[in-house]
N, C-alpha and C. Protein backbone atom coordinates (compact mmCIF):
# COMPACT_ATOMS: atom_id res chain seq x y z
N MET A 1 5.20 -0.51 -15.98
CA MET A 1 4.50 -1.65 -15.42
C MET A 1 5.17 -2.87 -16.31
N LYS A 2 5.70 -4.29 -15.73
CA LYS A 2 5.09 -4.93 -16.39
C LYS A 2 3.93 -5.82 -16.53
N ASN A 3 3.74 -6.24 -17.62
CA ASN A 3 2.38 -7.55 -17.86
C ASN A 3 2.90 -8.90 -17.56
N ILE A 4 2.41 -9.63 -17.69
CA ILE A 4 2.81 -11.19 -17.07
C ILE A 4 1.56 -12.36 -17.40
N THR A 5 2.30 -13.31 -17.67
CA THR A 5 1.22 -14.27 -18.81
C THR A 5 0.80 -15.59 -17.62
N VAL A 6 0.15 -15.64 -16.99
CA VAL A 6 0.21 -17.13 -16.42
C VAL A 6 -0.41 -18.52 -16.66
N SER A 7 -0.38 -19.70 -16.85
CA SER A 7 -1.28 -19.76 -17.38
C SER A 7 -2.39 -20.91 -15.97
N VAL A 8 -3.58 -20.86 -15.52
CA VAL A 8 -3.84 -21.70 -14.77
C VAL A 8 -5.37 -22.77 -15.43
N PRO A 9 -5.34 -23.64 -13.97
CA PRO A 9 -6.56 -24.59 -14.67
C PRO A 9 -7.99 -23.46 -14.52
N ASP A 10 -8.86 -24.35 -15.16
CA ASP A 10 -9.94 -22.99 -16.11
C ASP A 10 -11.42 -23.20 -14.35
N ASP A 11 -10.77 -23.92 -13.12
CA ASP A 11 -11.59 -23.95 -11.88
C ASP A 11 -11.04 -22.72 -11.42
N VAL A 12 -9.61 -22.75 -11.75
CA VAL A 12 -9.42 -21.42 -10.44
C VAL A 12 -9.74 -20.20 -11.39
N TYR A 13 -9.62 -20.13 -11.77
CA TYR A 13 -9.46 -18.93 -13.48
C TYR A 13 -11.10 -18.55 -13.39
N ARG A 14 -11.75 -18.79 -13.33
CA ARG A 14 -13.76 -19.84 -12.46
C ARG A 14 -14.26 -18.38 -10.58
N ASP A 15 -12.94 -19.36 -10.07
CA ASP A 15 -13.17 -18.92 -8.83
C ASP A 15 -12.31 -17.74 -8.40
N ALA A 16 -11.06 -17.48 -9.16
CA ALA A 16 -10.76 -16.16 -9.59
C ALA A 16 -11.81 -15.08 -9.16
N ARG A 17 -12.46 -15.56 -10.93
CA ARG A 17 -12.97 -14.39 -11.24
C ARG A 17 -14.65 -13.95 -9.95
N ILE A 18 -15.29 -14.89 -9.60
CA ILE A 18 -16.05 -14.80 -8.54
C ILE A 18 -15.15 -13.89 -7.59
N ALA A 19 -13.88 -14.91 -6.60
CA ALA A 19 -13.05 -13.66 -5.84
C ALA A 19 -13.11 -13.02 -6.10
N ALA A 20 -12.99 -12.04 -6.88
CA ALA A 20 -12.58 -10.22 -7.83
C ALA A 20 -14.02 -9.99 -7.33
N ALA A 21 -14.71 -9.82 -8.36
CA ALA A 21 -16.42 -9.22 -8.22
C ALA A 21 -16.48 -9.31 -6.61
N GLU A 22 -16.06 -10.67 -6.26
CA GLU A 22 -17.18 -10.30 -4.24
C GLU A 22 -17.33 -9.29 -3.90
N ARG A 23 -15.33 -8.89 -4.69
CA ARG A 23 -14.65 -7.34 -4.26
C ARG A 23 -14.70 -6.90 -4.96
N ASP A 24 -15.63 -6.79 -5.51
CA ASP A 24 -15.95 -5.20 -6.44
C ASP A 24 -14.30 -4.82 -6.67
N THR A 25 -12.89 -6.30 -7.59
CA THR A 25 -12.29 -6.07 -8.33
C THR A 25 -12.03 -6.57 -9.20
N SER A 26 -10.42 -6.64 -10.32
CA SER A 26 -10.62 -7.67 -11.41
C SER A 26 -9.04 -9.15 -10.22
N VAL A 27 -9.83 -9.99 -11.53
CA VAL A 27 -8.05 -10.33 -10.88
C VAL A 27 -6.64 -10.14 -10.69
N SER A 28 -7.06 -9.21 -11.91
CA SER A 28 -5.43 -8.66 -12.11
C SER A 28 -5.03 -8.08 -10.70
N ALA A 29 -6.00 -7.55 -10.22
CA ALA A 29 -5.54 -6.74 -9.13
C ALA A 29 -5.83 -7.72 -7.87
N LEU A 30 -5.99 -9.59 -7.47
CA LEU A 30 -6.14 -9.79 -6.50
C LEU A 30 -4.63 -10.30 -7.40
N VAL A 31 -4.15 -10.81 -7.86
CA VAL A 31 -2.82 -10.70 -8.18
C VAL A 31 -1.94 -9.94 -8.12
N VAL A 32 -1.71 -9.48 -8.50
CA VAL A 32 -1.33 -7.75 -7.28
C VAL A 32 -0.63 -7.92 -6.45
N ALA A 33 -2.14 -7.91 -5.25
CA ALA A 33 -2.26 -8.06 -4.41
C ALA A 33 -1.21 -9.31 -3.62
N TYR A 34 -1.12 -9.99 -4.09
CA TYR A 34 -1.10 -11.42 -3.47
C TYR A 34 1.04 -11.03 -4.04
N LEU A 35 1.50 -10.86 -4.51
CA LEU A 35 2.26 -10.98 -5.68
C LEU A 35 2.89 -9.56 -4.25
N ARG A 36 2.43 -8.97 -3.69
CA ARG A 36 2.96 -7.73 -3.19
C ARG A 36 2.92 -7.99 -1.91
N SER A 37 1.92 -9.59 -1.94
CA SER A 37 2.10 -9.43 0.24
C SER A 37 3.58 -10.43 0.20
N LEU A 38 3.69 -11.61 -0.89
CA LEU A 38 4.55 -11.80 -0.95
C LEU A 38 6.09 -11.62 -1.01
N SER A 39 6.07 -10.04 -1.26
CA SER A 39 6.95 -9.06 -1.12
C SER A 39 7.10 -8.94 -0.17
N GLU A 40 6.45 -8.66 0.17
CA GLU A 40 6.34 -8.03 1.87
C GLU A 40 6.77 -8.73 3.14
N ARG A 41 6.13 -9.72 2.36
CA ARG A 41 6.49 -10.96 3.84
C ARG A 41 8.00 -11.78 3.57
N THR A 42 8.71 -10.78 2.83
CA THR A 42 10.30 -11.21 2.00
C THR A 42 10.84 -10.22 2.78
N ARG A 43 10.41 -9.50 3.10
CA ARG A 43 11.24 -7.95 3.52
C ARG A 43 10.72 -7.61 5.36
N GLU A 44 10.06 -8.30 5.13
CA GLU A 44 9.56 -8.58 7.13
C GLU A 44 10.69 -9.64 8.08
N PHE A 45 10.78 -11.03 7.11
CA PHE A 45 11.58 -11.83 7.31
C PHE A 45 12.74 -11.19 7.23
N SER A 46 13.26 -10.84 6.39
CA SER A 46 14.42 -10.13 5.91
C SER A 46 15.23 -9.07 7.20
N ARG A 47 13.87 -8.39 7.49
CA ARG A 47 14.35 -7.33 9.08
C ARG A 47 14.61 -8.21 10.30
N LEU A 48 13.88 -9.41 10.54
CA LEU A 48 13.88 -9.83 11.36
C LEU A 48 14.77 -10.31 11.68
N GLU A 49 14.90 -11.34 10.73
CA GLU A 49 16.67 -12.04 10.19
C GLU A 49 17.72 -11.42 11.21
N ALA A 50 17.82 -10.03 10.54
CA ALA A 50 18.77 -9.18 10.63
C ALA A 50 18.78 -8.46 12.40
N GLN A 51 17.43 -8.55 12.60
CA GLN A 51 17.26 -8.06 14.77
C GLN A 51 17.94 -9.09 15.08
N GLN A 52 17.37 -10.22 14.54
CA GLN A 52 17.45 -11.53 15.12
C GLN A 52 19.91 -11.83 14.99
N ARG A 53 19.92 -11.39 14.38
CA ARG A 53 21.47 -11.73 14.07
C ARG A 53 21.42 -10.22 15.93
N GLU A 54 21.73 -9.40 15.84
CA GLU A 54 21.63 -7.74 16.22
C GLU A 54 21.21 -8.73 17.76
N VAL A 55 20.54 -8.83 18.32
CA VAL A 55 19.78 -9.99 19.46
C VAL A 55 21.20 -11.08 19.58
N GLN A 56 21.19 -11.17 18.64
CA GLN A 56 22.71 -12.45 18.99
C GLN A 56 23.61 -11.93 19.23
N ALA A 57 23.69 -11.15 18.69
CA ALA A 57 25.25 -10.49 18.81
C ALA A 57 25.46 -9.68 20.29
N GLU A 58 24.66 -8.90 20.68
CA GLU A 58 24.26 -8.79 22.36
C GLU A 58 24.51 -9.51 22.91
N ILE A 59 23.99 -11.36 23.11
CA ILE A 59 24.21 -11.52 24.31
C ILE A 59 24.95 -11.95 25.06
N GLY A 60 26.10 -12.34 23.51
CA GLY A 60 27.90 -12.46 23.85
C GLY A 60 27.82 -13.99 24.52
N ARG A 61 28.63 -14.27 25.47
CA ARG A 61 28.99 -15.53 26.23
C ARG A 61 27.70 -16.12 27.08
N PHE A 62 27.45 -17.79 26.57
CA PHE A 62 26.62 -18.29 27.26
C PHE A 62 27.05 -18.96 28.09
N ARG A 63 26.98 -19.26 29.50
CA ARG A 63 27.11 -20.48 30.14
C ARG A 63 26.00 -21.74 30.77
N ALA A 64 25.50 -22.33 30.64
CA ALA A 64 24.69 -22.58 31.90
C ALA A 64 24.57 -23.13 33.46
N ALA A 65 25.88 -22.58 33.54
CA ALA A 65 26.69 -22.78 34.57
C ALA A 65 26.18 -21.19 35.20
N ASP A 66 26.05 -20.00 34.16
CA ASP A 66 25.50 -18.74 35.24
C ASP A 66 23.41 -18.60 35.32
N ARG A 67 23.84 -19.56 34.88
CA ARG A 67 22.04 -19.82 35.26
C ARG A 67 21.82 -19.94 36.79
N LEU A 68 20.67 -18.99 37.26
CA LEU A 68 19.96 -18.94 38.65
C LEU A 68 19.56 -20.39 39.20
N GLY A 69 19.94 -20.21 39.95
CA GLY A 69 19.08 -22.03 41.27
C GLY A 69 17.98 -21.38 40.68
N ARG A 70 17.04 -22.50 41.62
CA ARG A 70 15.71 -23.17 41.11
C ARG A 70 15.32 -21.24 42.57
N ASP A 71 15.69 -22.76 43.41
CA ASP A 71 14.75 -21.29 44.93
C ASP A 71 15.53 -19.51 44.20
N GLU A 72 16.55 -19.53 43.48
CA GLU A 72 16.28 -18.02 43.77
C GLU A 72 15.25 -17.74 42.50
N VAL A 73 15.13 -17.88 41.56
CA VAL A 73 14.32 -17.90 40.90
C VAL A 73 13.35 -17.79 41.21
N HIS A 74 12.77 -18.26 42.24
CA HIS A 74 11.98 -18.37 43.39
C HIS A 74 11.27 -16.43 43.97
N ASP A 75 12.08 -16.90 44.49
CA ASP A 75 13.08 -15.46 45.59
C ASP A 75 12.80 -14.19 44.71
N ARG A 76 13.54 -14.84 44.15
CA ARG A 76 13.49 -13.26 43.02
C ARG A 76 12.24 -12.83 42.18
N ALA A 77 11.13 -13.96 42.28
CA ALA A 77 9.97 -13.50 41.57
C ALA A 77 8.82 -12.87 43.31
N VAL A 78 8.58 -13.45 44.28
CA VAL A 78 8.48 -13.21 45.82
C VAL A 78 8.47 -12.07 45.57
N ARG A 79 10.00 -11.37 46.20
CA ARG A 79 9.85 -10.28 45.61
C ARG A 79 9.47 -8.82 45.15
């Protein structure tokens, strides 16, 4: 485990202590939870980017001329 030192304004520290007390935890635990959520979001974003690349690779070639006409779309929806 690594220790870090962070300087914050007095009012931010006071608010953090109050928030920690309300959650029956410590300021350190709040910071760990926040940093963990950042890393989880980064992993999730990377996962979604990879999924997007896979989907785009499957699409192949797209041409606007291949679209269905308005009447075809509406006929298909009714059936």
